[in-house]
């Protein structure tokens, strides 16, 4: 595991905010929706890092750890003050997005992203997150290495290792699947044709999340643009069912896609079943 020391591990920040390159002034103004950071990036270390196929399990474990460490903060819980599931169009609550940034086939980073931003309480919980239970594998140690916005923390996939940034948060015209898209709706085959085909569901979800129209091409695991793991990881090899929790899910299917936008868009892009926990992720390619 390469050394990442932008934020010193195992040390509590002296103020209400976690250390990051964004928190440099001695007396920060009260956070507002315009100034709150929206992304936090963790580096993982362990005796054995989990394979990328276990991204969903890792995302779920990070979510549970942050819920516990924040006393159920709404941004991590995904529910409003009345306890109702947050179903706003923009999905402002947190996404927990594991990634294999050095393309060796193992999860080495996790991005936690919330469009509405992290307030002081959420930032404290992020800064204090140190480890998650291995649940059948080695425990995972987490080091918070960056807090900021996608425009500050994102890059193209080919630059992830050298720039120590996150391709899930990049800006690009072409995006490719990192983890499989699991359709939230059942595919319906009728005499008149196919309805809710995976391609159509991706198009609908992109619009729902506020992205511009894109050409959507199916992508086999072996067709992913390099750099990529030494051996292609078939989309059906991934864990595709949460151990607990809900979420709309169609058939037990898995697909990869390449998205072509007319102009560059900024991530993250995560679509379909369990997208908040790491499935359906795309990374910036070009």
C-alpha atoms as a PDB file:
ATOM      1  CA  UNK A   1       0.000   0.000   0.000  1.00  0.00           C
ATOM      2  CA  UNK A   2       1.521   3.303  -0.989  1.00  0.00           C
ATOM      3  CA  UNK A   3       2.007   5.954   1.652  1.00  0.00           C
ATOM      4  CA  UNK A   4      -0.664   8.648   1.674  1.00  0.00           C
ATOM      5  CA  UNK A   5      -0.125  11.200   4.424  1.00  0.00           C
ATOM      6  CA  UNK A   6      -2.013  14.339   3.516  1.00  0.00           C
ATOM      7  CA  UNK A   7      -3.949  13.813   6.743  1.00  0.00           C
ATOM      8  CA  UNK A   8      -2.122  12.327   9.690  1.00  0.00           C
ATOM      9  CA  UNK A   9      -3.712   9.017  10.759  1.00  0.00           C
ATOM     10  CA  UNK A  10      -4.837   8.267  14.302  1.00  0.00           C
ATOM     11  CA  UNK A  11      -4.848  11.878  15.419  1.00  0.00           C
ATOM     12  CA  UNK A  12      -7.918  13.932  16.273  1.00  0.00           C
ATOM     13  CA  UNK A  13      -8.130  17.342  14.591  1.00  0.00           C
ATOM     14  CA  UNK A  14      -7.733  20.271  16.992  1.00  0.00           C
ATOM     15  CA  UNK A  15     -10.820  22.046  15.611  1.00  0.00           C
ATOM     16  CA  UNK A  16     -14.306  20.982  14.624  1.00  0.00           C
ATOM     17  CA  UNK A  17     -13.125  20.298  11.082  1.00  0.00           C
ATOM     18  CA  UNK A  18     -10.966  17.395   9.792  1.00  0.00           C
ATOM     19  CA  UNK A  19      -7.550  18.290   8.469  1.00  0.00           C
ATOM     20  CA  UNK A  20      -7.507  18.706   4.720  1.00  0.00           C
ATOM     21  CA  UNK A  21      -5.949  20.976   2.203  1.00  0.00           C
ATOM     22  CA  UNK A  22      -9.252  22.906   2.224  1.00  0.00           C
ATOM     23  CA  UNK A  23      -9.232  23.650   5.967  1.00  0.00           C
ATOM     24  CA  UNK A  24      -6.232  25.909   6.371  1.00  0.00           C
ATOM     25  CA  UNK A  25      -7.577  29.102   7.956  1.00  0.00           C
ATOM     26  CA  UNK A  26      -7.599  29.379  11.747  1.00  0.00           C
ATOM     27  CA  UNK A  27     -11.169  30.618  12.153  1.00  0.00           C
ATOM     28  CA  UNK A  28     -13.457  29.120   9.490  1.00  0.00           C
ATOM     29  CA  UNK A  29     -16.749  30.811   8.829  1.00  0.00           C
ATOM     30  CA  UNK A  30     -19.914  28.854   9.596  1.00  0.00           C
ATOM     31  CA  UNK A  31     -20.478  26.242   6.904  1.00  0.00           C
ATOM     32  CA  UNK A  32     -23.209  26.886   4.375  1.00  0.00           C
ATOM     33  CA  UNK A  33     -24.538  24.812   1.495  1.00  0.00           C
ATOM     34  CA  UNK A  34     -22.257  26.822  -0.801  1.00  0.00           C
ATOM     35  CA  UNK A  35     -19.072  26.246   1.225  1.00  0.00           C
ATOM     36  CA  UNK A  36     -19.493  22.801   2.768  1.00  0.00           C
ATOM     37  CA  UNK A  37     -17.240  20.111   1.249  1.00  0.00           C
ATOM     38  CA  UNK A  38     -19.137  17.476  -0.679  1.00  0.00           C
ATOM     39  CA  UNK A  39     -16.535  14.697  -0.992  1.00  0.00           C
ATOM     40  CA  UNK A  40     -14.210  12.819   1.339  1.00  0.00           C
ATOM     41  CA  UNK A  41     -11.624  10.299   0.162  1.00  0.00           C
ATOM     42  CA  UNK A  42     -10.221   7.474   2.290  1.00  0.00           C
ATOM     43  CA  UNK A  43      -7.225   5.228   1.656  1.00  0.00           C
ATOM     44  CA  UNK A  44      -7.610   1.605   2.774  1.00  0.00           C
ATOM     45  CA  UNK A  45      -4.982  -0.651   4.271  1.00  0.00           C
ATOM     46  CA  UNK A  46      -5.252  -4.219   5.488  1.00  0.00           C
ATOM     47  CA  UNK A  47      -3.354  -7.493   5.708  1.00  0.00           C
ATOM     48  CA  UNK A  48      -5.362  -8.433   2.616  1.00  0.00           C
ATOM     49  CA  UNK A  49      -7.345  -5.791   0.759  1.00  0.00           C
ATOM     50  CA  UNK A  50     -10.779  -6.950  -0.442  1.00  0.00           C
ATOM     51  CA  UNK A  51     -11.176  -7.729  -4.140  1.00  0.00           C
ATOM     52  CA  UNK A  52     -13.041  -5.205  -6.230  1.00  0.00           C
ATOM     53  CA  UNK A  53     -15.837  -7.764  -6.594  1.00  0.00           C
ATOM     54  CA  UNK A  54     -16.636  -7.058  -2.909  1.00  0.00           C
ATOM     55  CA  UNK A  55     -17.133  -3.314  -3.465  1.00  0.00           C
ATOM     56  CA  UNK A  56     -20.770  -3.519  -2.356  1.00  0.00           C
ATOM     57  CA  UNK A  57     -19.833  -5.111   0.975  1.00  0.00           C
ATOM     58  CA  UNK A  58     -17.138  -2.482   1.574  1.00  0.00           C
ATOM     59  CA  UNK A  59     -19.520   0.373   0.783  1.00  0.00           C
ATOM     60  CA  UNK A  60     -22.114  -1.068   3.158  1.00  0.00           C
ATOM     61  CA  UNK A  61     -19.560  -1.446   5.968  1.00  0.00           C
ATOM     62  CA  UNK A  62     -18.314   2.133   5.600  1.00  0.00           C
ATOM     63  CA  UNK A  63     -21.901   3.373   5.709  1.00  0.00           C
ATOM     64  CA  UNK A  64     -22.661   1.416   8.881  1.00  0.00           C
ATOM     65  CA  UNK A  65     -19.464   2.651  10.555  1.00  0.00           C
ATOM     66  CA  UNK A  66     -20.303   6.284   9.771  1.00  0.00           C
ATOM     67  CA  UNK A  67     -23.870   5.825  10.977  1.00  0.00           C
ATOM     68  CA  UNK A  68     -22.541   4.474  14.267  1.00  0.00           C
ATOM     69  CA  UNK A  69     -19.863   7.150  14.601  1.00  0.00           C
ATOM     70  CA  UNK A  70     -22.265  10.009  13.841  1.00  0.00           C
ATOM     71  CA  UNK A  71     -25.233   8.832  15.924  1.00  0.00           C
ATOM     72  CA  UNK A  72     -27.246   8.332  12.760  1.00  0.00           C
ATOM     73  CA  UNK A  73     -26.538  11.661  11.039  1.00  0.00           C
ATOM     74  CA  UNK A  74     -29.211  12.210   8.325  1.00  0.00           C
ATOM     75  CA  UNK A  75     -26.629  12.660   5.551  1.00  0.00           C
ATOM     76  CA  UNK A  76     -25.338   9.112   6.165  1.00  0.00           C
ATOM     77  CA  UNK A  77     -28.715   7.636   7.071  1.00  0.00           C
ATOM     78  CA  UNK A  78     -30.513   8.813   3.950  1.00  0.00           C
ATOM     79  CA  UNK A  79     -33.607   9.853   5.902  1.00  0.00           C
ATOM     80  CA  UNK A  80     -35.070  13.252   6.688  1.00  0.00           C
ATOM     81  CA  UNK A  81     -35.709  14.744  10.127  1.00  0.00           C
ATOM     82  CA  UNK A  82     -39.060  12.933  10.284  1.00  0.00           C
ATOM     83  CA  UNK A  83     -37.375   9.570   9.688  1.00  0.00           C
ATOM     84  CA  UNK A  84     -38.699   9.215   6.158  1.00  0.00           C
ATOM     85  CA  UNK A  85     -36.496   7.853   3.349  1.00  0.00           C
ATOM     86  CA  UNK A  86     -34.997  10.781   1.467  1.00  0.00           C
ATOM     87  CA  UNK A  87     -36.336  10.544  -2.076  1.00  0.00           C
ATOM     88  CA  UNK A  88     -35.424  13.926  -3.475  1.00  0.00           C
ATOM     89  CA  UNK A  89     -34.578  14.089  -7.152  1.00  0.00           C
ATOM     90  CA  UNK A  90     -30.930  14.880  -6.500  1.00  0.00           C
ATOM     91  CA  UNK A  91     -30.227  12.145  -3.918  1.00  0.00           C
ATOM     92  CA  UNK A  92     -28.493  14.595  -1.597  1.00  0.00           C
ATOM     93  CA  UNK A  93     -27.601  12.001   1.056  1.00  0.00           C
ATOM     94  CA  UNK A  94     -24.257  10.223   1.054  1.00  0.00           C
ATOM     95  CA  UNK A  95     -22.926   7.795  -1.504  1.00  0.00           C
ATOM     96  CA  UNK A  96     -20.258   5.299  -0.370  1.00  0.00           C
ATOM     97  CA  UNK A  97     -18.103   4.513  -3.384  1.00  0.00           C
ATOM     98  CA  UNK A  98     -15.235   1.976  -3.115  1.00  0.00           C
ATOM     99  CA  UNK A  99     -12.651   1.981  -5.885  1.00  0.00           C
ATOM    100  CA  UNK A 100      -9.559   0.243  -7.215  1.00  0.00           C
ATOM    101  CA  UNK A 101      -7.477   3.285  -8.130  1.00  0.00           C
ATOM    102  CA  UNK A 102      -4.221   1.437  -8.813  1.00  0.00           C
ATOM    103  CA  UNK A 103      -6.066  -1.120 -11.015  1.00  0.00           C
ATOM    104  CA  UNK A 104      -4.626  -4.206  -9.324  1.00  0.00           C
ATOM    105  CA  UNK A 105      -8.064  -5.745  -8.720  1.00  0.00           C
ATOM    106  CA  UNK A 106      -8.407  -4.812  -5.015  1.00  0.00           C
ATOM    107  CA  UNK A 107     -10.343  -2.015  -3.303  1.00  0.00           C
ATOM    108  CA  UNK A 108      -7.824   0.589  -2.128  1.00  0.00           C
ATOM    109  CA  UNK A 109      -9.909   3.759  -1.682  1.00  0.00           C
ATOM    110  CA  UNK A 110     -13.427   4.808  -0.760  1.00  0.00           C
ATOM    111  CA  UNK A 111     -15.065   8.095  -1.707  1.00  0.00           C
ATOM    112  CA  UNK A 112     -17.950   9.345   0.427  1.00  0.00           C
ATOM    113  CA  UNK A 113     -19.942  11.950  -1.493  1.00  0.00           C
ATOM    114  CA  UNK A 114     -23.004  14.027  -0.633  1.00  0.00           C
ATOM    115  CA  UNK A 115     -24.318  16.600  -3.085  1.00  0.00           C
ATOM    116  CA  UNK A 116     -25.771  18.721  -0.263  1.00  0.00           C
ATOM    117  CA  UNK A 117     -22.413  18.799   1.551  1.00  0.00           C
ATOM    118  CA  UNK A 118     -21.112  17.698   4.944  1.00  0.00           C
ATOM    119  CA  UNK A 119     -21.842  19.894   7.968  1.00  0.00           C
ATOM    120  CA  UNK A 120     -19.559  20.080  11.012  1.00  0.00           C
ATOM    121  CA  UNK A 121     -21.045  17.015  12.680  1.00  0.00           C
ATOM    122  CA  UNK A 122     -20.691  14.938   9.518  1.00  0.00           C
ATOM    123  CA  UNK A 123     -17.103  16.152   9.035  1.00  0.00           C
ATOM    124  CA  UNK A 124     -16.230  15.120  12.588  1.00  0.00           C
ATOM    125  CA  UNK A 125     -17.612  11.637  11.943  1.00  0.00           C
ATOM    126  CA  UNK A 126     -15.598  11.366   8.735  1.00  0.00           C
ATOM    127  CA  UNK A 127     -12.402  12.515  10.479  1.00  0.00           C
ATOM    128  CA  UNK A 128     -12.853   9.950  13.250  1.00  0.00           C
ATOM    129  CA  UNK A 129     -13.477   6.961  11.000  1.00  0.00           C
ATOM    130  CA  UNK A 130     -10.459   4.688  11.494  1.00  0.00           C
ATOM    131  CA  UNK A 131     -11.486   1.139  10.648  1.00  0.00           C
ATOM    132  CA  UNK A 132     -14.338  -1.132   9.616  1.00  0.00           C
ATOM    133  CA  UNK A 133     -14.938  -4.735  10.525  1.00  0.00           C
ATOM    134  CA  UNK A 134     -13.736  -7.259   7.982  1.00  0.00           C
ATOM    135  CA  UNK A 135     -16.916  -9.430   8.085  1.00  0.00           C
ATOM    136  CA  UNK A 136     -15.299 -12.675   6.988  1.00  0.00           C
ATOM    137  CA  UNK A 137     -12.048 -11.067   5.867  1.00  0.00           C
ATOM    138  CA  UNK A 138      -9.345  -8.858   7.305  1.00  0.00           C
ATOM    139  CA  UNK A 139     -10.378  -5.683   9.123  1.00  0.00           C
ATOM    140  CA  UNK A 140      -9.860  -2.542   7.050  1.00  0.00           C
ATOM    141  CA  UNK A 141      -7.997   0.523   8.325  1.00  0.00           C
ATOM    142  CA  UNK A 142      -9.096   3.826   6.802  1.00  0.00           C
ATOM    143  CA  UNK A 143      -7.117   7.042   6.525  1.00  0.00           C
ATOM    144  CA  UNK A 144      -8.883  10.237   5.492  1.00  0.00           C
ATOM    145  CA  UNK A 145      -6.610  11.724   2.840  1.00  0.00           C
ATOM    146  CA  UNK A 146      -8.708  14.475   1.266  1.00  0.00           C
ATOM    147  CA  UNK A 147     -11.858  16.536   1.760  1.00  0.00           C
ATOM    148  CA  UNK A 148     -13.191  18.886  -0.868  1.00  0.00           C
ATOM    149  CA  UNK A 149     -15.276  19.044  -4.022  1.00  0.00           C
ATOM    150  CA  UNK A 150     -15.253  16.823  -7.128  1.00  0.00           C
ATOM    151  CA  UNK A 151     -13.563  19.566  -9.135  1.00  0.00           C
ATOM    152  CA  UNK A 152     -10.676  19.520  -6.629  1.00  0.00           C
ATOM    153  CA  UNK A 153     -10.441  15.786  -5.949  1.00  0.00           C
ATOM    154  CA  UNK A 154     -11.254  14.249  -9.337  1.00  0.00           C
ATOM    155  CA  UNK A 155      -9.123  13.066 -12.261  1.00  0.00           C
ATOM    156  CA  UNK A 156      -9.161  10.720 -15.234  1.00  0.00           C
ATOM    157  CA  UNK A 157      -8.625   7.023 -14.514  1.00  0.00           C
ATOM    158  CA  UNK A 158      -5.201   6.959 -16.155  1.00  0.00           C
ATOM    159  CA  UNK A 159      -4.021   9.698 -13.761  1.00  0.00           C
ATOM    160  CA  UNK A 160      -5.408   8.282 -10.513  1.00  0.00           C
ATOM    161  CA  UNK A 161      -2.209   6.723  -9.199  1.00  0.00           C
ATOM    162  CA  UNK A 162       0.222   9.481 -10.129  1.00  0.00           C
ATOM    163  CA  UNK A 163      -2.051  12.368  -9.093  1.00  0.00           C
ATOM    164  CA  UNK A 164      -3.508  10.658  -5.985  1.00  0.00           C
ATOM    165  CA  UNK A 165      -7.004  11.739  -6.978  1.00  0.00           C
ATOM    166  CA  UNK A 166     -10.311   9.957  -7.586  1.00  0.00           C
ATOM    167  CA  UNK A 167     -11.532   8.985 -11.080  1.00  0.00           C
ATOM    168  CA  UNK A 168     -15.083   8.663  -9.717  1.00  0.00           C
ATOM    169  CA  UNK A 169     -15.009  12.458  -9.249  1.00  0.00           C
ATOM    170  CA  UNK A 170     -13.368  13.328 -12.555  1.00  0.00           C
ATOM    171  CA  UNK A 171     -14.628  15.483 -15.410  1.00  0.00           C
ATOM    172  CA  UNK A 172     -14.851  13.758 -18.790  1.00  0.00           C
ATOM    173  CA  UNK A 173     -16.910  13.148 -21.894  1.00  0.00           C
ATOM    174  CA  UNK A 174     -16.440   9.371 -21.761  1.00  0.00           C
ATOM    175  CA  UNK A 175     -17.230   7.320 -18.660  1.00  0.00           C
ATOM    176  CA  UNK A 176     -16.928   3.557 -18.187  1.00  0.00           C
ATOM    177  CA  UNK A 177     -18.318   1.112 -15.668  1.00  0.00           C
ATOM    178  CA  UNK A 178     -16.129   0.351 -12.671  1.00  0.00           C
ATOM    179  CA  UNK A 179     -18.698  -1.854 -10.937  1.00  0.00           C
ATOM    180  CA  UNK A 180     -21.689  -3.489 -12.624  1.00  0.00           C
ATOM    181  CA  UNK A 181     -25.008  -1.816 -13.269  1.00  0.00           C
ATOM    182  CA  UNK A 182     -27.787  -3.877 -11.673  1.00  0.00           C
ATOM    183  CA  UNK A 183     -31.155  -2.835 -13.155  1.00  0.00           C
ATOM    184  CA  UNK A 184     -33.592  -1.546 -10.540  1.00  0.00           C
ATOM    185  CA  UNK A 185     -36.528  -2.604 -12.737  1.00  0.00           C
ATOM    186  CA  UNK A 186     -37.382  -5.963 -14.251  1.00  0.00           C
ATOM    187  CA  UNK A 187     -36.738  -6.235 -17.985  1.00  0.00           C
ATOM    188  CA  UNK A 188     -40.077  -6.845 -19.703  1.00  0.00           C
ATOM    189  CA  UNK A 189     -40.157  -8.798 -22.957  1.00  0.00           C
ATOM    190  CA  UNK A 190     -43.459  -8.401 -24.795  1.00  0.00           C
ATOM    191  CA  UNK A 191     -44.672  -9.238 -28.278  1.00  0.00           C
ATOM    192  CA  UNK A 192     -44.424  -5.543 -29.066  1.00  0.00           C
ATOM    193  CA  UNK A 193     -40.788  -5.432 -27.978  1.00  0.00           C
ATOM    194  CA  UNK A 194     -38.574  -5.108 -24.912  1.00  0.00           C
ATOM    195  CA  UNK A 195     -39.442  -2.587 -22.242  1.00  0.00           C
ATOM    196  CA  UNK A 196     -37.104  -1.343 -19.515  1.00  0.00           C
ATOM    197  CA  UNK A 197     -34.061  -2.852 -21.191  1.00  0.00           C
ATOM    198  CA  UNK A 198     -30.836  -2.157 -19.218  1.00  0.00           C
ATOM    199  CA  UNK A 199     -29.749   0.457 -21.759  1.00  0.00           C
ATOM    200  CA  UNK A 200     -33.083   2.274 -21.398  1.00  0.00           C
ATOM    201  CA  UNK A 201     -32.871   2.192 -17.618  1.00  0.00           C
ATOM    202  CA  UNK A 202     -29.408   3.802 -17.722  1.00  0.00           C
ATOM    203  CA  UNK A 203     -30.742   6.573 -19.989  1.00  0.00           C
ATOM    204  CA  UNK A 204     -33.689   7.182 -17.650  1.00  0.00           C
ATOM    205  CA  UNK A 205     -31.497   7.268 -14.533  1.00  0.00           C
ATOM    206  CA  UNK A 206     -28.996   9.671 -16.081  1.00  0.00           C
ATOM    207  CA  UNK A 207     -31.845  12.080 -16.756  1.00  0.00           C
ATOM    208  CA  UNK A 208     -33.263  11.545 -13.272  1.00  0.00           C
ATOM    209  CA  UNK A 209     -29.910  12.484 -11.729  1.00  0.00           C
ATOM    210  CA  UNK A 210     -29.637  15.638 -13.806  1.00  0.00           C
ATOM    211  CA  UNK A 211     -27.019  14.553 -16.349  1.00  0.00           C
ATOM    212  CA  UNK A 212     -27.250  15.591 -20.008  1.00  0.00           C
ATOM    213  CA  UNK A 213     -28.162  13.008 -22.665  1.00  0.00           C
ATOM    214  CA  UNK A 214     -25.491  10.419 -23.459  1.00  0.00           C
ATOM    215  CA  UNK A 215     -24.946   7.650 -25.956  1.00  0.00           C
ATOM    216  CA  UNK A 216     -24.941   4.403 -23.978  1.00  0.00           C
ATOM    217  CA  UNK A 217     -22.969   1.420 -25.304  1.00  0.00           C
ATOM    218  CA  UNK A 218     -22.784  -1.966 -23.606  1.00  0.00           C
ATOM    219  CA  UNK A 219     -19.264  -2.735 -22.381  1.00  0.00           C
ATOM    220  CA  UNK A 220     -17.740  -6.152 -21.752  1.00  0.00           C
ATOM    221  CA  UNK A 221     -15.337  -6.404 -18.827  1.00  0.00           C
ATOM    222  CA  UNK A 222     -12.436  -7.134 -21.161  1.00  0.00           C
ATOM    223  CA  UNK A 223     -13.165  -3.992 -23.202  1.00  0.00           C
ATOM    224  CA  UNK A 224     -12.539  -1.534 -20.354  1.00  0.00           C
ATOM    225  CA  UNK A 225     -10.049   1.131 -21.421  1.00  0.00           C
ATOM    226  CA  UNK A 226      -6.601   0.606 -19.779  1.00  0.00           C
ATOM    227  CA  UNK A 227      -5.341   0.858 -17.124  1.00  0.00           C
ATOM    228  CA  UNK A 228      -7.394  -2.043 -15.784  1.00  0.00           C
ATOM    229  CA  UNK A 229      -6.895  -5.090 -13.530  1.00  0.00           C
ATOM    230  CA  UNK A 230      -4.477  -7.726 -14.864  1.00  0.00           C
ATOM    231  CA  UNK A 231      -7.391 -10.097 -15.508  1.00  0.00           C
ATOM    232  CA  UNK A 232     -10.829  -8.831 -16.563  1.00  0.00           C
ATOM    233  CA  UNK A 233     -13.381  -9.039 -13.752  1.00  0.00           C
ATOM    234  CA  UNK A 234     -16.646 -10.254 -15.229  1.00  0.00           C
ATOM    235  CA  UNK A 235     -19.631  -8.157 -14.244  1.00  0.00           C
ATOM    236  CA  UNK A 236     -21.409 -11.241 -12.921  1.00  0.00           C
ATOM    237  CA  UNK A 237     -18.469 -11.954 -10.586  1.00  0.00           C
ATOM    238  CA  UNK A 238     -19.366  -9.012  -8.356  1.00  0.00           C
ATOM    239  CA  UNK A 239     -21.405  -9.246  -5.185  1.00  0.00           C
ATOM    240  CA  UNK A 240     -24.780  -7.849  -6.242  1.00  0.00           C
ATOM    241  CA  UNK A 241     -27.061  -8.216  -3.226  1.00  0.00           C
ATOM    242  CA  UNK A 242     -26.879  -6.207  -0.026  1.00  0.00           C
ATOM    243  CA  UNK A 243     -26.732  -8.199   3.190  1.00  0.00           C
ATOM    244  CA  UNK A 244     -29.438  -5.928   4.611  1.00  0.00           C
ATOM    245  CA  UNK A 245     -31.390  -2.876   3.573  1.00  0.00           C
ATOM    246  CA  UNK A 246     -33.809  -2.211   0.774  1.00  0.00           C
ATOM    247  CA  UNK A 247     -33.567  -0.821  -2.704  1.00  0.00           C
ATOM    248  CA  UNK A 248     -35.398  -1.536  -5.933  1.00  0.00           C
ATOM    249  CA  UNK A 249     -33.885  -4.461  -7.784  1.00  0.00           C
ATOM    250  CA  UNK A 250     -34.945  -6.281 -10.905  1.00  0.00           C
ATOM    251  CA  UNK A 251     -33.496  -9.575 -12.092  1.00  0.00           C
ATOM    252  CA  UNK A 252     -30.144 -10.811 -10.789  1.00  0.00           C
ATOM    253  CA  UNK A 253     -28.337  -9.351 -13.794  1.00  0.00           C
ATOM    254  CA  UNK A 254     -25.158  -7.308 -14.235  1.00  0.00           C
ATOM    255  CA  UNK A 255     -24.056  -5.072 -17.090  1.00  0.00           C
ATOM    256  CA  UNK A 256     -21.216  -2.746 -17.988  1.00  0.00           C
ATOM    257  CA  UNK A 257     -21.608   0.389 -20.105  1.00  0.00           C
ATOM    258  CA  UNK A 258     -19.628   3.144 -21.759  1.00  0.00           C
ATOM    259  CA  UNK A 259     -21.248   6.594 -21.645  1.00  0.00           C
ATOM    260  CA  UNK A 260     -20.510   9.188 -24.334  1.00  0.00           C
ATOM    261  CA  UNK A 261     -21.576  12.737 -23.429  1.00  0.00           C
ATOM    262  CA  UNK A 262     -21.460  15.621 -25.898  1.00  0.00           C
ATOM    263  CA  UNK A 263     -19.584  17.751 -23.371  1.00  0.00           C
ATOM    264  CA  UNK A 264     -17.561  16.934 -20.256  1.00  0.00           C
ATOM    265  CA  UNK A 265     -19.535  16.189 -17.109  1.00  0.00           C
ATOM    266  CA  UNK A 266     -18.313  15.907 -13.540  1.00  0.00           C
ATOM    267  CA  UNK A 267     -18.922  12.842 -11.390  1.00  0.00           C
ATOM    268  CA  UNK A 268     -19.703  10.904  -9.450  1.00  0.00           C
ATOM    269  CA  UNK A 269     -21.980   8.815 -11.646  1.00  0.00           C
ATOM    270  CA  UNK A 270     -23.511   5.794  -9.936  1.00  0.00           C
ATOM    271  CA  UNK A 271     -26.754   4.259 -11.182  1.00  0.00           C
ATOM    272  CA  UNK A 272     -29.133   1.433 -10.416  1.00  0.00           C
ATOM    273  CA  UNK A 273     -29.607  -0.917  -7.506  1.00  0.00           C
ATOM    274  CA  UNK A 274     -27.270  -0.296  -4.525  1.00  0.00           C
ATOM    275  CA  UNK A 275     -25.608   2.635  -6.277  1.00  0.00           C
ATOM    276  CA  UNK A 276     -25.308   4.420  -2.915  1.00  0.00           C
ATOM    277  CA  UNK A 277     -23.171   1.514  -1.650  1.00  0.00           C
ATOM    278  CA  UNK A 278     -20.855   1.063  -4.627  1.00  0.00           C
ATOM    279  CA  UNK A 279     -22.631  -0.731  -7.472  1.00  0.00           C
ATOM    280  CA  UNK A 280     -23.301   0.931 -10.805  1.00  0.00           C
ATOM    281  CA  UNK A 281     -20.228   3.165 -10.563  1.00  0.00           C
ATOM    282  CA  UNK A 282     -18.568   4.837 -13.535  1.00  0.00           C
ATOM    283  CA  UNK A 283     -15.121   6.395 -13.785  1.00  0.00           C
ATOM    284  CA  UNK A 284     -13.891   9.267 -15.942  1.00  0.00           C
ATOM    285  CA  UNK A 285     -11.931   8.004 -18.944  1.00  0.00           C
ATOM    286  CA  UNK A 286     -11.512  10.734 -21.560  1.00  0.00           C
END
